[in-house]
Amino acid sequence: MSEPAVADKLVEYGLTGSESKVYVYVAKRGPCPAGEIARALLIRRGQTYNILKALQEKGLVEALAGRPIRFSAISLPKAIDVLL
């Protein structure tokens, strides 16, 4: 399944468009800092942090200690279980 198709499915399961794009990027790329996510997806850094916080609250993304803080996504099957 292509990245846009996965992102669309995640929207159907309750994520916003921005949340689904950030989740897919982090899931594919692996642990990465918010600045990288913002640059790659052309989202302002402050908005990226808000999206990451929302994904953390939903249990889909975890923050990894370090400098800079990096964010890691849970696997797609687990994410779908969480959203259902």
PDB file of N, CA and C in Angstrom:
ATOM      1  N   MET A   1       0.856  -1.177   0.000  1.00  0.00           N
ATOM      2  CA  MET A   1       0.000   0.000   0.000  1.00  0.00           C
ATOM      3  C   MET A   1       0.905   1.244   0.000  1.00  0.00           C
ATOM      4  N   SER A   2       0.576   2.230  -0.799  1.00  0.00           N
ATOM      5  CA  SER A   2       1.394   3.441  -0.907  1.00  0.00           C
ATOM      6  C   SER A   2       1.225   4.334   0.325  1.00  0.00           C
ATOM      7  N   GLU A   3       2.188   5.227   0.522  1.00  0.00           N
ATOM      8  CA  GLU A   3       2.120   6.152   1.662  1.00  0.00           C
ATOM      9  C   GLU A   3       0.837   6.987   1.652  1.00  0.00           C
ATOM     10  N   PRO A   4       0.452   7.586   0.523  1.00  0.00           N
ATOM     11  CA  PRO A   4      -0.802   8.358   0.534  1.00  0.00           C
ATOM     12  C   PRO A   4      -2.021   7.495   0.873  1.00  0.00           C
ATOM     13  N   ALA A   5      -2.030   6.247   0.419  1.00  0.00           N
ATOM     14  CA  ALA A   5      -3.159   5.359   0.723  1.00  0.00           C
ATOM     15  C   ALA A   5      -3.201   5.047   2.217  1.00  0.00           C
ATOM     16  N   VAL A   6      -2.031   4.817   2.822  1.00  0.00           N
ATOM     17  CA  VAL A   6      -1.970   4.571   4.270  1.00  0.00           C
ATOM     18  C   VAL A   6      -2.437   5.808   5.017  1.00  0.00           C
ATOM     19  N   ALA A   7      -1.965   6.988   4.603  1.00  0.00           N
ATOM     20  CA  ALA A   7      -2.363   8.233   5.259  1.00  0.00           C
ATOM     21  C   ALA A   7      -3.878   8.428   5.159  1.00  0.00           C
ATOM     22  N   ASP A   8      -4.455   8.142   3.997  1.00  0.00           N
ATOM     23  CA  ASP A   8      -5.907   8.272   3.832  1.00  0.00           C
ATOM     24  C   ASP A   8      -6.662   7.314   4.746  1.00  0.00           C
ATOM     25  N   LYS A   9      -6.161   6.084   4.868  1.00  0.00           N
ATOM     26  CA  LYS A   9      -6.805   5.112   5.764  1.00  0.00           C
ATOM     27  C   LYS A   9      -6.755   5.599   7.208  1.00  0.00           C
ATOM     28  N   LEU A  10      -5.623   6.166   7.615  1.00  0.00           N
ATOM     29  CA  LEU A  10      -5.505   6.660   8.992  1.00  0.00           C
ATOM     30  C   LEU A  10      -6.472   7.807   9.251  1.00  0.00           C
ATOM     31  N   VAL A  11      -6.740   8.611   8.243  1.00  0.00           N
ATOM     32  CA  VAL A  11      -7.742   9.678   8.390  1.00  0.00           C
ATOM     33  C   VAL A  11      -9.112   9.051   8.599  1.00  0.00           C
ATOM     34  N   GLU A  12      -9.401   7.984   7.867  1.00  0.00           N
ATOM     35  CA  GLU A  12     -10.678   7.279   8.053  1.00  0.00           C
ATOM     36  C   GLU A  12     -10.812   6.742   9.478  1.00  0.00           C
ATOM     37  N   TYR A  13      -9.682   6.389  10.099  1.00  0.00           N
ATOM     38  CA  TYR A  13      -9.692   5.863  11.461  1.00  0.00           C
ATOM     39  C   TYR A  13      -9.638   6.954  12.521  1.00  0.00           C
ATOM     40  N   GLY A  14      -9.673   8.227  12.115  1.00  0.00           N
ATOM     41  CA  GLY A  14      -9.802   9.294  13.097  1.00  0.00           C
ATOM     42  C   GLY A  14      -8.669  10.284  13.225  1.00  0.00           C
ATOM     43  N   LEU A  15      -7.565  10.103  12.489  1.00  0.00           N
ATOM     44  CA  LEU A  15      -6.495  11.087  12.562  1.00  0.00           C
ATOM     45  C   LEU A  15      -6.803  12.246  11.625  1.00  0.00           C
ATOM     46  N   THR A  16      -6.228  13.410  11.916  1.00  0.00           N
ATOM     47  CA  THR A  16      -6.319  14.518  10.975  1.00  0.00           C
ATOM     48  C   THR A  16      -5.359  14.236   9.825  1.00  0.00           C
ATOM     49  N   GLY A  17      -5.482  14.991   8.755  1.00  0.00           N
ATOM     50  CA  GLY A  17      -4.576  14.823   7.629  1.00  0.00           C
ATOM     51  C   GLY A  17      -3.126  15.038   8.025  1.00  0.00           C
ATOM     52  N   SER A  18      -2.880  16.086   8.815  1.00  0.00           N
ATOM     53  CA  SER A  18      -1.512  16.382   9.258  1.00  0.00           C
ATOM     54  C   SER A  18      -0.982  15.296  10.182  1.00  0.00           C
ATOM     55  N   GLU A  19      -1.825  14.812  11.094  1.00  0.00           N
ATOM     56  CA  GLU A  19      -1.396  13.739  12.001  1.00  0.00           C
ATOM     57  C   GLU A  19      -1.024  12.488  11.213  1.00  0.00           C
ATOM     58  N   SER A  20      -1.822  12.162  10.214  1.00  0.00           N
ATOM     59  CA  SER A  20      -1.533  10.945   9.447  1.00  0.00           C
ATOM     60  C   SER A  20      -0.230  11.097   8.661  1.00  0.00           C
ATOM     61  N   LYS A  21       0.016  12.278   8.084  1.00  0.00           N
ATOM     62  CA  LYS A  21       1.258  12.496   7.337  1.00  0.00           C
ATOM     63  C   LYS A  21       2.478  12.394   8.252  1.00  0.00           C
ATOM     64  N   VAL A  22       2.378  12.989   9.443  1.00  0.00           N
ATOM     65  CA  VAL A  22       3.498  12.940  10.390  1.00  0.00           C
ATOM     66  C   VAL A  22       3.717  11.497  10.847  1.00  0.00           C
ATOM     67  N   TYR A  23       2.636  10.791  11.187  1.00  0.00           N
ATOM     68  CA  TYR A  23       2.778   9.398  11.621  1.00  0.00           C
ATOM     69  C   TYR A  23       3.457   8.563  10.525  1.00  0.00           C
ATOM     70  N   VAL A  24       2.998   8.665   9.288  1.00  0.00           N
ATOM     71  CA  VAL A  24       3.560   7.874   8.193  1.00  0.00           C
ATOM     72  C   VAL A  24       5.034   8.213   7.996  1.00  0.00           C
ATOM     73  N   TYR A  25       5.382   9.494   8.077  1.00  0.00           N
ATOM     74  CA  TYR A  25       6.784   9.885   7.898  1.00  0.00           C
ATOM     75  C   TYR A  25       7.653   9.258   8.981  1.00  0.00           C
ATOM     76  N   VAL A  26       7.228   9.375  10.228  1.00  0.00           N
ATOM     77  CA  VAL A  26       8.033   8.856  11.341  1.00  0.00           C
ATOM     78  C   VAL A  26       8.082   7.324  11.294  1.00  0.00           C
ATOM     79  N   ALA A  27       6.978   6.697  10.939  1.00  0.00           N
ATOM     80  CA  ALA A  27       6.947   5.232  10.860  1.00  0.00           C
ATOM     81  C   ALA A  27       7.912   4.736   9.773  1.00  0.00           C
ATOM     82  N   LYS A  28       7.968   5.439   8.657  1.00  0.00           N
ATOM     83  CA  LYS A  28       8.841   5.024   7.558  1.00  0.00           C
ATOM     84  C   LYS A  28      10.298   5.373   7.845  1.00  0.00           C
ATOM     85  N   ARG A  29      10.550   6.563   8.359  1.00  0.00           N
ATOM     86  CA  ARG A  29      11.909   7.079   8.539  1.00  0.00           C
ATOM     87  C   ARG A  29      12.580   6.511   9.781  1.00  0.00           C
ATOM     88  N   GLY A  30      11.805   6.200  10.807  1.00  0.00           N
ATOM     89  CA  GLY A  30      12.390   5.792  12.083  1.00  0.00           C
ATOM     90  C   GLY A  30      12.550   7.003  12.987  1.00  0.00           C
ATOM     91  N   PRO A  31      13.143   6.815  14.148  1.00  0.00           N
ATOM     92  CA  PRO A  31      13.252   7.917  15.104  1.00  0.00           C
ATOM     93  C   PRO A  31      13.909   9.150  14.488  1.00  0.00           C
ATOM     94  N   CYS A  32      13.236  10.292  14.615  1.00  0.00           N
ATOM     95  CA  CYS A  32      13.770  11.529  14.057  1.00  0.00           C
ATOM     96  C   CYS A  32      13.292  12.726  14.861  1.00  0.00           C
ATOM     97  N   PRO A  33      14.052  13.822  14.834  1.00  0.00           N
ATOM     98  CA  PRO A  33      13.686  15.019  15.573  1.00  0.00           C
ATOM     99  C   PRO A  33      12.564  15.797  14.866  1.00  0.00           C
ATOM    100  N   ALA A  34      11.870  16.621  15.633  1.00  0.00           N
ATOM    101  CA  ALA A  34      10.746  17.390  15.102  1.00  0.00           C
ATOM    102  C   ALA A  34      11.175  18.314  13.976  1.00  0.00           C
ATOM    103  N   GLY A  35      12.366  18.893  14.074  1.00  0.00           N
ATOM    104  CA  GLY A  35      12.836  19.795  13.029  1.00  0.00           C
ATOM    105  C   GLY A  35      12.937  19.111  11.671  1.00  0.00           C
ATOM    106  N   GLU A  36      13.422  17.884  11.665  1.00  0.00           N
ATOM    107  CA  GLU A  36      13.518  17.121  10.422  1.00  0.00           C
ATOM    108  C   GLU A  36      12.135  16.849   9.845  1.00  0.00           C
ATOM    109  N   ILE A  37      11.210  16.478  10.720  1.00  0.00           N
ATOM    110  CA  ILE A  37       9.836  16.201  10.285  1.00  0.00           C
ATOM    111  C   ILE A  37       9.230  17.458   9.670  1.00  0.00           C
ATOM    112  N   ALA A  38       9.407  18.585  10.354  1.00  0.00           N
ATOM    113  CA  ALA A  38       8.855  19.852   9.873  1.00  0.00           C
ATOM    114  C   ALA A  38       9.415  20.214   8.498  1.00  0.00           C
ATOM    115  N   ARG A  39      10.717  20.090   8.327  1.00  0.00           N
ATOM    116  CA  ARG A  39      11.348  20.414   7.043  1.00  0.00           C
ATOM    117  C   ARG A  39      10.870  19.474   5.942  1.00  0.00           C
ATOM    118  N   ALA A  40      10.819  18.199   6.247  1.00  0.00           N
ATOM    119  CA  ALA A  40      10.451  17.208   5.230  1.00  0.00           C
ATOM    120  C   ALA A  40       9.004  17.366   4.775  1.00  0.00           C
ATOM    121  N   LEU A  41       8.121  17.722   5.703  1.00  0.00           N
ATOM    122  CA  LEU A  41       6.693  17.805   5.377  1.00  0.00           C
ATOM    123  C   LEU A  41       6.215  19.237   5.137  1.00  0.00           C
ATOM    124  N   LEU A  42       7.157  20.185   5.218  1.00  0.00           N
ATOM    125  CA  LEU A  42       6.830  21.603   5.018  1.00  0.00           C
ATOM    126  C   LEU A  42       5.744  22.081   5.984  1.00  0.00           C
ATOM    127  N   ILE A  43       5.941  21.743   7.251  1.00  0.00           N
ATOM    128  CA  ILE A  43       5.040  22.160   8.327  1.00  0.00           C
ATOM    129  C   ILE A  43       5.865  23.009   9.282  1.00  0.00           C
ATOM    130  N   ARG A  44       5.269  24.074   9.820  1.00  0.00           N
ATOM    131  CA  ARG A  44       5.996  24.883  10.795  1.00  0.00           C
ATOM    132  C   ARG A  44       6.382  24.020  11.994  1.00  0.00           C
ATOM    133  N   ARG A  45       7.535  24.332  12.581  1.00  0.00           N
ATOM    134  CA  ARG A  45       8.057  23.525  13.683  1.00  0.00           C
ATOM    135  C   ARG A  45       7.090  23.513  14.869  1.00  0.00           C
ATOM    136  N   GLY A  46       6.529  24.665  15.221  1.00  0.00           N
ATOM    137  CA  GLY A  46       5.577  24.722  16.338  1.00  0.00           C
ATOM    138  C   GLY A  46       4.366  23.846  16.094  1.00  0.00           C
ATOM    139  N   GLN A  47       3.859  23.866  14.877  1.00  0.00           N
ATOM    140  CA  GLN A  47       2.716  23.021  14.524  1.00  0.00           C
ATOM    141  C   GLN A  47       3.124  21.546  14.579  1.00  0.00           C
ATOM    142  N   THR A  48       4.339  21.261  14.165  1.00  0.00           N
ATOM    143  CA  THR A  48       4.828  19.878  14.202  1.00  0.00           C
ATOM    144  C   THR A  48       4.839  19.356  15.631  1.00  0.00           C
ATOM    145  N   TYR A  49       5.305  20.180  16.573  1.00  0.00           N
ATOM    146  CA  TYR A  49       5.298  19.756  17.974  1.00  0.00           C
ATOM    147  C   TYR A  49       3.873  19.505  18.464  1.00  0.00           C
ATOM    148  N   ASN A  50       2.926  20.345  18.052  1.00  0.00           N
ATOM    149  CA  ASN A  50       1.526  20.137  18.455  1.00  0.00           C
ATOM    150  C   ASN A  50       0.991  18.825  17.900  1.00  0.00           C
ATOM    151  N   ILE A  51       1.329  18.533  16.658  1.00  0.00           N
ATOM    152  CA  ILE A  51       0.886  17.276  16.034  1.00  0.00           C
ATOM    153  C   ILE A  51       1.517  16.086  16.747  1.00  0.00           C
ATOM    154  N   LEU A  52       2.805  16.177  17.027  1.00  0.00           N
ATOM    155  CA  LEU A  52       3.488  15.084  17.725  1.00  0.00           C
ATOM    156  C   LEU A  52       2.898  14.862  19.116  1.00  0.00           C
ATOM    157  N   LYS A  53       2.555  15.953  19.803  1.00  0.00           N
ATOM    158  CA  LYS A  53       1.940  15.829  21.126  1.00  0.00           C
ATOM    159  C   LYS A  53       0.596  15.101  21.015  1.00  0.00           C
ATOM    160  N   ALA A  54      -0.201  15.467  20.014  1.00  0.00           N
ATOM    161  CA  ALA A  54      -1.492  14.798  19.808  1.00  0.00           C
ATOM    162  C   ALA A  54      -1.294  13.312  19.514  1.00  0.00           C
ATOM    163  N   LEU A  55      -0.296  12.993  18.696  1.00  0.00           N
ATOM    164  CA  LEU A  55      -0.018  11.586  18.389  1.00  0.00           C
ATOM    165  C   LEU A  55       0.478  10.838  19.624  1.00  0.00           C
ATOM    166  N   GLN A  56       1.246  11.510  20.480  1.00  0.00           N
ATOM    167  CA  GLN A  56       1.688  10.885  21.733  1.00  0.00           C
ATOM    168  C   GLN A  56       0.492  10.602  22.625  1.00  0.00           C
ATOM    169  N   GLU A  57      -0.421  11.545  22.724  1.00  0.00           N
ATOM    170  CA  GLU A  57      -1.605  11.358  23.565  1.00  0.00           C
ATOM    171  C   GLU A  57      -2.472  10.206  23.072  1.00  0.00           C
ATOM    172  N   LYS A  58      -2.454   9.972  21.778  1.00  0.00           N
ATOM    173  CA  LYS A  58      -3.215   8.859  21.199  1.00  0.00           C
ATOM    174  C   LYS A  58      -2.451   7.541  21.285  1.00  0.00           C
ATOM    175  N   GLY A  59      -1.190   7.594  21.723  1.00  0.00           N
ATOM    176  CA  GLY A  59      -0.388   6.386  21.876  1.00  0.00           C
ATOM    177  C   GLY A  59       0.259   5.892  20.594  1.00  0.00           C
ATOM    178  N   LEU A  60       0.369   6.762  19.583  1.00  0.00           N
ATOM    179  CA  LEU A  60       0.917   6.337  18.301  1.00  0.00           C
ATOM    180  C   LEU A  60       2.384   6.693  18.118  1.00  0.00           C
ATOM    181  N   VAL A  61       2.864   7.663  18.882  1.00  0.00           N
ATOM    182  CA  VAL A  61       4.238   8.135  18.782  1.00  0.00           C
ATOM    183  C   VAL A  61       4.816   8.244  20.181  1.00  0.00           C
ATOM    184  N   GLU A  62       6.092   7.931  20.307  1.00  0.00           N
ATOM    185  CA  GLU A  62       6.789   8.041  21.596  1.00  0.00           C
ATOM    186  C   GLU A  62       7.972   8.989  21.430  1.00  0.00           C
ATOM    187  N   ALA A  63       8.251   9.757  22.489  1.00  0.00           N
ATOM    188  CA  ALA A  63       9.422  10.630  22.497  1.00  0.00           C
ATOM    189  C   ALA A  63      10.589   9.859  23.094  1.00  0.00           C
ATOM    190  N   LEU A  64      11.743   9.947  22.448  1.00  0.00           N
ATOM    191  CA  LEU A  64      12.942   9.269  22.923  1.00  0.00           C
ATOM    192  C   LEU A  64      13.877  10.307  23.541  1.00  0.00           C
ATOM    193  N   ALA A  65      14.362  10.023  24.721  1.00  0.00           N
ATOM    194  CA  ALA A  65      15.239  10.959  25.426  1.00  0.00           C
ATOM    195  C   ALA A  65      16.511  11.201  24.635  1.00  0.00           C
ATOM    196  N   GLY A  66      17.025  12.390  24.773  1.00  0.00           N
ATOM    197  CA  GLY A  66      18.265  12.753  24.102  1.00  0.00           C
ATOM    198  C   GLY A  66      18.199  14.179  23.608  1.00  0.00           C
ATOM    199  N   ARG A  67      19.279  14.612  22.999  1.00  0.00           N
ATOM    200  CA  ARG A  67      19.313  15.958  22.422  1.00  0.00           C
ATOM    201  C   ARG A  67      19.709  15.843  20.976  1.00  0.00           C
ATOM    202  N   PRO A  68      18.885  16.194  20.053  1.00  0.00           N
ATOM    203  CA  PRO A  68      17.509  16.642  20.263  1.00  0.00           C
ATOM    204  C   PRO A  68      16.600  15.453  20.579  1.00  0.00           C
ATOM    205  N   ILE A  69      15.430  15.750  21.118  1.00  0.00           N
ATOM    206  CA  ILE A  69      14.441  14.698  21.357  1.00  0.00           C
ATOM    207  C   ILE A  69      14.034  14.140  19.995  1.00  0.00           C
ATOM    208  N   ARG A  70      13.986  12.826  19.915  1.00  0.00           N
ATOM    209  CA  ARG A  70      13.579  12.173  18.679  1.00  0.00           C
ATOM    210  C   ARG A  70      12.242  11.486  18.918  1.00  0.00           C
ATOM    211  N   PHE A  71      11.488  11.340  17.870  1.00  0.00           N
ATOM    212  CA  PHE A  71      10.160  10.747  17.962  1.00  0.00           C
ATOM    213  C   PHE A  71      10.122   9.466  17.149  1.00  0.00           C
ATOM    214  N   SER A  72       9.474   8.456  17.723  1.00  0.00           N
ATOM    215  CA  SER A  72       9.397   7.136  17.119  1.00  0.00           C
ATOM    216  C   SER A  72       7.926   6.713  17.059  1.00  0.00           C
ATOM    217  N   ALA A  73       7.522   6.098  15.962  1.00  0.00           N
ATOM    218  CA  ALA A  73       6.138   5.648  15.797  1.00  0.00           C
ATOM    219  C   ALA A  73       6.018   4.168  16.138  1.00  0.00           C
ATOM    220  N   ILE A  74       4.851   3.800  16.680  1.00  0.00           N
ATOM    221  CA  ILE A  74       4.576   2.379  16.883  1.00  0.00           C
ATOM    222  C   ILE A  74       4.274   1.773  15.513  1.00  0.00           C
ATOM    223  N   SER A  75       4.293   0.465  15.419  1.00  0.00           N
ATOM    224  CA  SER A  75       4.064  -0.193  14.126  1.00  0.00           C
ATOM    225  C   SER A  75       2.645   0.086  13.626  1.00  0.00           C
ATOM    226  N   LEU A  76       2.471   0.037  12.321  1.00  0.00           N
ATOM    227  CA  LEU A  76       1.171   0.312  11.713  1.00  0.00           C
ATOM    228  C   LEU A  76       0.070  -0.627  12.220  1.00  0.00           C
ATOM    229  N   PRO A  77       0.304  -1.943  12.313  1.00  0.00           N
ATOM    230  CA  PRO A  77      -0.759  -2.807  12.850  1.00  0.00           C
ATOM    231  C   PRO A  77      -1.180  -2.414  14.268  1.00  0.00           C
ATOM    232  N   LYS A  78      -0.202  -2.059  15.109  1.00  0.00           N
ATOM    233  CA  LYS A  78      -0.536  -1.623  16.468  1.00  0.00           C
ATOM    234  C   LYS A  78      -1.284  -0.297  16.441  1.00  0.00           C
ATOM    235  N   ALA A  79      -0.885   0.598  15.539  1.00  0.00           N
ATOM    236  CA  ALA A  79      -1.550   1.896  15.425  1.00  0.00           C
ATOM    237  C   ALA A  79      -3.015   1.720  15.040  1.00  0.00           C
ATOM    238  N   ILE A  80      -3.277   0.817  14.108  1.00  0.00           N
ATOM    239  CA  ILE A  80      -4.649   0.578  13.706  1.00  0.00           C
ATOM    240  C   ILE A  80      -5.448   0.011  14.863  1.00  0.00           C
ATOM    241  N   ASP A  81      -4.861  -0.910  15.626  1.00  0.00           N
ATOM    242  CA  ASP A  81      -5.546  -1.446  16.821  1.00  0.00           C
ATOM    243  C   ASP A  81      -5.864  -0.334  17.804  1.00  0.00           C
ATOM    244  N   VAL A  82      -4.922   0.566  18.025  1.00  0.00           N
ATOM    245  CA  VAL A  82      -5.129   1.680  18.960  1.00  0.00           C
ATOM    246  C   VAL A  82      -6.273   2.563  18.477  1.00  0.00           C
ATOM    247  N   LEU A  83      -6.300   2.852  17.193  1.00  0.00           N
ATOM    248  CA  LEU A  83      -7.324   3.743  16.648  1.00  0.00           C
ATOM    249  C   LEU A  83      -8.703   3.111  16.605  1.00  0.00           C
ATOM    250  N   LEU A  84      -8.753   1.789  16.478  1.00  0.00           N
ATOM    251  CA  LEU A  84     -10.051   1.106  16.458  1.00  0.00           C
ATOM    252  C   LEU A  84     -10.579   0.956  17.862  1.00  0.00           C
TER     253      LEU A  84
END
